[in-house]
Amino acid sequence: MRIALAGLATSHPFTDARTLAKHAELAVWEQDPERLARFTEEHPGARVCGDLAELLATGPDGVVLTVPNPRAPAALEAALGTGAPVFMNKPAAASRAQLDALDRLEIGDRVLSSSVLRFAPAFAGQRVDPAEVLAVRATVRHDVGIWATGYNPWQDTPGEGGGTLVTMGVHGVELLVALLGPAVRLAGAAGAIRHYGGLRSEDTGVMALRWDNGITGTVEVLGVSKDEAYTVTVHTASGSRDIVIEAGDDVLKGLGYEGTIEAFLAMVAGAPSPVPWEQTRAILEVLIAAREAVPA
C-alpha cells in the first residue's frame, strides 16, 4: 500500500504519518525544505517527490492532503483525479472564495475532512435524542500563542487560514454537527484579543448556532489555555451531561488521531467516507459565516 502525503503545512500530517507508516509505504511532497527535512529525518524510507504532480503520479492508494487553505481547492482537484480516497486535513476551506471553489468540484463520498475529535474514544459513538435536547455547548481549549511568534502566519490570517475562530472553532462545530446533524446555521459570532497581542486574528471567540428543529448551540473558543481539552455539554429538561475529550496518556488515541487514520484506511479498502460531505460543507458554512461576521 502506498499513501501520498501531499503537503506538510501543519503539524497534523507529521502525526498522521506516524500511524500510517505502520501500514503503508509513504511518499511525500512539501515545498518548505525545513518541514521536508524534519519529515524525512523521521521517515528516511519515504519517497520524496519534487512537486504535487510527481507525487500523484506514483499511483497512491490514498492521499493525505495538507496545504495552506488558499491552495487547497486546486490541490484537492488534482488529488481527486487519481481516483484514490483523500483525507483532507481540516478545515477544508477558511474563506468564501475557497468554499466556492470546493463547491465547483465533484467531491462525492471519497473525501474525508474532519476534526480528529470526531473519532476520539470519548466521543465516538455518542448519541443524543434531538427531541430531548434543549441546547448544546462546545468548549474548545487550545492555545494559539505560537502564532503570536510568527509561526505559520497564514493560519492566523483571517482571509487565508481563517484565524483562531475558524482553525480552532472547527473542533467545536464539528462535534455539535456530529451529534445533531447538518441542518444548522450561524446565529451570531464575536471575537477578541484578550492575551496574545501579536495575533492577526483573535485568541478568544464565540459562535451562536441554531438548528432547523429549534435547538440552539454555543461554541466557545479559548485560544489562551495551559491545557488542550474539549467539552461538549448537552442540556435536556432532566439535566445536563458533559462529554470531555482529553489527550490522556496516549495523545494519538485520546484525541482521535488514530481513529481518524483507521477511518481513512477503511476508505482505502473501499469504504465510503464516514463523514458525509454534506456535514463537512455545513460545518464550513458556519465557520466562514462566523469569520465574515467578525472581520479582521
Protein backbone atom coordinates (compact mmCIF):
# COMPACT_ATOMS: atom_id res chain seq x y z
CA MET A 1 0.00 0.00 0.00
CA ARG A 2 1.27 3.49 -0.82
CA ILE A 3 -0.02 6.63 0.87
CA ALA A 4 0.88 10.03 -0.56
CA LEU A 5 1.30 12.92 1.84
CA ALA A 6 0.55 15.99 -0.23
CA GLY A 7 1.93 18.85 1.83
CA LEU A 8 3.12 19.21 5.41
CA ALA A 9 1.65 22.63 6.09
CA THR A 10 0.59 21.94 9.70
CA SER A 11 1.57 19.54 12.48
CA HIS A 12 -1.18 17.09 11.59
CA PRO A 13 0.44 15.24 8.65
CA PHE A 14 3.50 14.54 10.80
CA THR A 15 1.20 12.94 13.34
CA ASP A 16 -0.76 11.14 10.61
CA ALA A 17 2.43 9.68 9.15
CA ARG A 18 3.43 8.04 12.44
CA THR A 19 0.29 5.92 12.28
CA LEU A 20 0.29 5.43 8.51
CA ALA A 21 3.91 4.22 8.49
CA LYS A 22 2.76 1.12 10.39
CA HIS A 23 0.53 0.17 7.47
CA ALA A 24 1.91 1.62 4.24
CA GLU A 25 4.83 2.86 2.19
CA LEU A 26 4.94 6.66 2.28
CA ALA A 27 5.55 9.18 -0.48
CA VAL A 28 5.76 12.89 0.30
CA TRP A 29 5.83 16.31 -1.31
CA GLU A 30 6.39 19.59 0.52
CA GLN A 31 7.68 22.92 -0.73
CA ASP A 32 9.23 24.07 2.56
CA PRO A 33 12.71 22.49 2.86
CA GLU A 34 12.77 22.65 6.68
CA ARG A 35 9.45 20.83 7.02
CA LEU A 36 10.50 18.26 4.45
CA ALA A 37 13.82 17.67 6.20
CA ARG A 38 12.03 17.17 9.51
CA PHE A 39 9.73 14.62 7.87
CA THR A 40 12.45 12.64 6.09
CA GLU A 41 14.54 12.52 9.25
CA GLU A 42 11.65 10.75 10.93
CA HIS A 43 10.76 8.67 7.85
CA PRO A 44 14.01 8.10 5.93
CA GLY A 45 12.40 5.47 3.73
CA ALA A 46 9.73 7.81 2.37
CA ARG A 47 9.81 8.57 -1.34
CA VAL A 48 10.36 12.30 -1.86
CA CYS A 49 8.73 13.94 -4.88
CA GLY A 50 9.56 17.29 -6.44
CA ASP A 51 6.02 18.55 -6.94
CA LEU A 52 2.39 17.57 -6.47
CA ALA A 53 2.04 16.14 -9.98
CA GLU A 54 5.02 13.83 -9.44
CA LEU A 55 3.60 12.71 -6.10
CA LEU A 56 0.21 11.87 -7.54
CA ALA A 57 1.83 10.08 -10.47
CA THR A 58 3.26 7.49 -8.06
CA GLY A 59 -0.13 5.77 -8.05
CA PRO A 60 -1.09 6.22 -4.41
CA ASP A 61 -3.79 4.12 -2.79
CA GLY A 62 -4.74 7.11 -0.67
CA VAL A 63 -3.83 10.80 -0.34
CA VAL A 64 -3.43 12.86 2.83
CA LEU A 65 -3.78 16.49 1.74
CA THR A 66 -2.39 19.28 3.93
CA VAL A 67 -1.60 22.51 2.12
CA PRO A 68 -2.32 26.16 3.05
CA ASN A 69 -6.03 26.86 2.55
CA PRO A 70 -5.65 29.19 -0.45
CA ARG A 71 -4.04 26.33 -2.40
CA ALA A 72 -6.36 23.59 -1.12
CA PRO A 73 -9.12 23.60 -3.80
CA ALA A 74 -6.67 23.18 -6.70
CA ALA A 75 -4.71 20.53 -4.81
CA LEU A 76 -7.89 18.61 -3.99
CA GLU A 77 -8.97 18.72 -7.62
CA ALA A 78 -5.64 17.21 -8.63
CA ALA A 79 -5.86 14.53 -5.93
CA LEU A 80 -9.39 13.59 -6.96
CA GLY A 81 -8.03 12.92 -10.43
CA THR A 82 -6.15 9.89 -9.11
CA GLY A 83 -9.37 8.15 -8.08
CA ALA A 84 -7.83 7.43 -4.68
CA PRO A 85 -9.61 8.42 -1.46
CA VAL A 86 -8.46 11.69 0.08
CA PHE A 87 -8.12 12.66 3.71
CA MET A 88 -8.07 16.46 3.68
CA ASN A 89 -6.84 17.87 6.96
CA LYS A 90 -9.25 20.39 8.45
CA PRO A 91 -10.52 22.97 7.78
CA ALA A 92 -11.07 22.26 4.11
CA ALA A 93 -11.90 25.93 3.49
CA ALA A 94 -11.48 29.11 5.51
CA SER A 95 -12.97 31.79 3.26
CA ARG A 96 -15.98 32.24 1.00
CA ALA A 97 -13.82 32.14 -2.13
CA GLN A 98 -12.21 28.88 -1.02
CA LEU A 99 -15.58 27.32 -0.24
CA ASP A 100 -16.98 28.43 -3.60
CA ALA A 101 -14.00 26.75 -5.29
CA LEU A 102 -14.69 23.50 -3.43
CA ASP A 103 -18.35 23.70 -4.43
CA ARG A 104 -17.28 23.51 -8.08
CA LEU A 105 -15.63 20.11 -7.53
CA GLU A 106 -17.33 16.72 -7.67
CA ILE A 107 -16.34 15.52 -4.20
CA GLY A 108 -18.70 12.61 -3.59
CA ASP A 109 -18.01 10.08 -0.84
CA ARG A 110 -14.27 9.59 -1.39
CA VAL A 111 -13.15 12.65 0.58
CA LEU A 112 -12.88 12.77 4.37
CA SER A 113 -12.32 16.14 6.03
CA SER A 114 -12.95 16.28 9.74
CA SER A 115 -11.64 17.30 13.11
CA VAL A 116 -9.92 14.27 14.59
CA LEU A 117 -12.01 14.76 17.72
CA ARG A 118 -14.99 13.15 16.00
CA PHE A 119 -13.04 9.88 16.23
CA ALA A 120 -11.82 10.30 19.82
CA PRO A 121 -12.83 7.33 22.01
CA ALA A 122 -14.58 9.63 24.49
CA PHE A 123 -16.82 10.99 21.71
CA ALA A 124 -17.13 8.33 19.02
CA GLY A 125 -20.42 6.50 19.35
CA GLN A 126 -22.06 9.22 21.44
CA ARG A 127 -25.74 9.71 20.57
CA VAL A 128 -28.45 12.12 21.63
CA ASP A 129 -32.19 12.22 21.02
CA PRO A 130 -32.80 15.64 19.43
CA ALA A 131 -36.36 15.61 20.76
CA GLU A 132 -34.96 15.73 24.29
CA VAL A 133 -32.26 18.35 23.69
CA LEU A 134 -32.81 21.94 24.79
CA ALA A 135 -29.41 23.30 23.83
CA VAL A 136 -25.78 22.27 23.39
CA ARG A 137 -22.43 23.87 24.05
CA ALA A 138 -18.93 23.03 22.89
CA THR A 139 -15.89 24.50 24.63
CA VAL A 140 -12.57 24.39 22.78
CA ARG A 141 -9.39 24.93 24.79
CA HIS A 142 -6.35 25.05 22.51
CA ASP A 143 -3.57 27.58 22.95
CA VAL A 144 -2.67 29.70 19.90
CA GLY A 145 0.27 31.55 21.40
CA ILE A 146 2.66 30.01 18.86
CA TRP A 147 1.01 32.12 16.16
CA ALA A 148 1.97 35.29 18.04
CA THR A 149 5.62 34.31 17.43
CA GLY A 150 5.06 34.39 13.66
CA TYR A 151 4.71 30.63 13.17
CA ASN A 152 2.52 29.67 10.18
CA PRO A 153 1.19 33.22 9.69
CA TRP A 154 -1.26 32.06 7.01
CA GLN A 155 -3.23 30.13 9.64
CA ASP A 156 -3.62 33.26 11.77
CA THR A 157 -4.61 35.41 8.78
CA PRO A 158 -8.44 35.55 8.51
CA GLY A 159 -8.54 35.70 4.70
CA GLU A 160 -6.14 32.76 4.30
CA GLY A 161 -6.33 30.16 7.06
CA GLY A 162 -9.28 31.68 8.90
CA GLY A 163 -7.61 32.61 12.18
CA THR A 164 -8.49 31.23 15.58
CA LEU A 165 -12.25 31.41 15.09
CA VAL A 166 -12.07 29.04 12.11
CA THR A 167 -8.99 26.91 12.75
CA MET A 168 -9.84 26.16 16.38
CA GLY A 169 -13.58 26.75 16.16
CA VAL A 170 -13.90 23.87 13.70
CA HIS A 171 -13.39 21.42 16.58
CA GLY A 172 -16.47 22.66 18.43
CA VAL A 173 -18.73 22.99 15.40
CA GLU A 174 -17.64 19.54 14.19
CA LEU A 175 -18.63 17.86 17.45
CA LEU A 176 -22.04 19.54 17.59
CA VAL A 177 -22.84 18.75 13.95
CA ALA A 178 -21.75 15.15 14.55
CA LEU A 179 -24.36 14.96 17.32
CA LEU A 180 -27.21 16.95 15.79
CA GLY A 181 -26.73 16.89 12.02
CA PRO A 182 -26.01 19.46 9.30
CA ALA A 183 -29.29 21.43 9.32
CA VAL A 184 -27.63 24.30 11.18
CA ARG A 185 -26.81 27.95 10.61
CA LEU A 186 -24.86 30.66 12.35
CA ALA A 187 -26.92 32.99 14.54
CA GLY A 188 -24.07 35.25 15.66
CA ALA A 189 -20.38 35.46 16.45
CA ALA A 190 -17.83 37.58 18.29
CA GLY A 191 -14.11 37.53 18.87
CA ALA A 192 -11.43 39.43 20.77
CA ILE A 193 -7.74 39.52 21.59
CA ARG A 194 -7.52 39.05 25.35
CA HIS A 195 -3.91 37.95 25.81
CA TYR A 196 -1.77 37.48 22.68
CA GLY A 197 -1.35 40.97 21.28
CA GLY A 198 0.70 39.88 18.28
CA LEU A 199 -2.09 37.89 16.62
CA ARG A 200 -3.65 38.71 13.27
CA SER A 201 -6.98 37.20 14.30
CA GLU A 202 -8.29 36.60 17.84
CA ASP A 203 -7.43 34.45 20.82
CA THR A 204 -11.00 34.22 22.16
CA GLY A 205 -14.25 33.76 20.29
CA VAL A 206 -17.82 32.60 20.50
CA MET A 207 -20.38 31.37 17.97
CA ALA A 208 -24.14 31.00 18.40
CA LEU A 209 -25.81 28.28 16.29
CA ARG A 210 -29.40 27.29 15.56
CA TRP A 211 -30.62 24.03 14.05
CA ASP A 212 -33.74 23.91 11.89
CA ASN A 213 -35.56 21.96 14.62
CA GLY A 214 -35.06 24.84 17.06
CA ILE A 215 -32.11 23.56 19.09
CA THR A 216 -29.62 26.30 19.91
CA GLY A 217 -25.90 25.83 20.38
CA THR A 218 -22.85 27.72 21.54
CA VAL A 219 -19.22 27.20 20.59
CA GLU A 220 -16.65 28.80 22.89
CA VAL A 221 -13.12 29.09 21.52
CA LEU A 222 -10.45 29.70 24.15
CA GLY A 223 -7.08 30.17 22.49
CA VAL A 224 -5.34 31.04 25.75
CA SER A 225 -5.10 27.80 27.66
CA LYS A 226 -2.49 25.87 29.60
CA ASP A 227 -4.01 22.51 28.65
CA GLU A 228 -5.68 21.23 25.48
CA ALA A 229 -9.18 19.91 26.17
CA TYR A 230 -12.61 19.86 24.60
CA THR A 231 -16.01 19.62 26.27
CA VAL A 232 -19.49 19.14 24.83
CA THR A 233 -22.41 19.84 27.16
CA VAL A 234 -25.87 18.57 26.26
CA HIS A 235 -28.73 20.28 28.12
CA THR A 236 -32.06 18.49 28.49
CA ALA A 237 -35.11 19.05 30.68
CA SER A 238 -33.83 16.40 33.09
CA GLY A 239 -30.36 17.94 33.45
CA SER A 240 -27.04 18.31 31.67
CA ARG A 241 -24.28 15.91 30.77
CA ASP A 242 -20.71 16.58 29.69
CA ILE A 243 -18.60 14.75 27.15
CA VAL A 244 -14.95 15.54 27.86
CA ILE A 245 -12.18 14.84 25.35
CA GLU A 246 -8.60 14.97 26.64
CA ALA A 247 -5.29 13.62 25.43
CA GLY A 248 -4.66 11.37 28.41
CA ASP A 249 -1.59 9.15 28.40
CA ASP A 250 -1.86 8.43 24.65
CA VAL A 251 -2.35 11.61 22.63
CA LEU A 252 -2.77 9.85 19.28
CA LYS A 253 -5.55 7.68 20.63
CA GLY A 254 -7.12 10.06 23.13
CA LEU A 255 -7.61 12.97 20.72
CA GLY A 256 -8.76 10.77 17.84
CA TYR A 257 -5.74 10.79 15.53
CA GLU A 258 -5.55 7.01 15.42
CA GLY A 259 -9.28 6.65 14.89
CA THR A 260 -9.19 9.14 12.02
CA ILE A 261 -6.44 7.24 10.23
CA GLU A 262 -8.28 3.97 10.80
CA ALA A 263 -11.33 5.52 9.12
CA PHE A 264 -9.17 6.72 6.24
CA LEU A 265 -7.57 3.29 5.79
CA ALA A 266 -11.07 1.81 5.62
CA MET A 267 -11.71 4.20 2.73
CA VAL A 268 -8.52 2.95 1.06
CA ALA A 269 -10.02 -0.53 1.39
CA GLY A 270 -13.16 0.66 -0.42
CA ALA A 271 -15.48 2.12 2.23
CA PRO A 272 -17.16 5.50 1.72
CA SER A 273 -16.19 8.44 3.88
CA PRO A 274 -17.67 8.04 7.39
CA VAL A 275 -18.35 11.78 7.39
CA PRO A 276 -20.73 12.76 4.58
CA TRP A 277 -19.56 15.83 2.68
CA GLU A 278 -22.96 17.36 3.48
CA GLN A 279 -21.85 17.56 7.11
CA THR A 280 -18.42 18.93 6.27
CA ARG A 281 -19.99 21.53 3.98
CA ALA A 282 -22.40 22.63 6.74
CA ILE A 283 -19.53 22.97 9.23
CA LEU A 284 -17.51 25.07 6.78
CA GLU A 285 -20.52 27.30 6.08
CA VAL A 286 -20.94 28.05 9.81
CA LEU A 287 -17.24 28.79 10.26
CA ILE A 288 -16.99 31.04 7.23
CA ALA A 289 -20.16 32.89 8.17
CA ALA A 290 -18.61 33.45 11.61
CA ARG A 291 -15.42 34.74 10.02
CA GLU A 292 -17.42 37.12 7.87
CA ALA A 293 -19.31 38.33 10.95
CA VAL A 294 -16.04 39.01 12.81
CA PRO A 295 -13.77 40.72 10.26
CA ALA A 296 -10.08 41.20 10.92
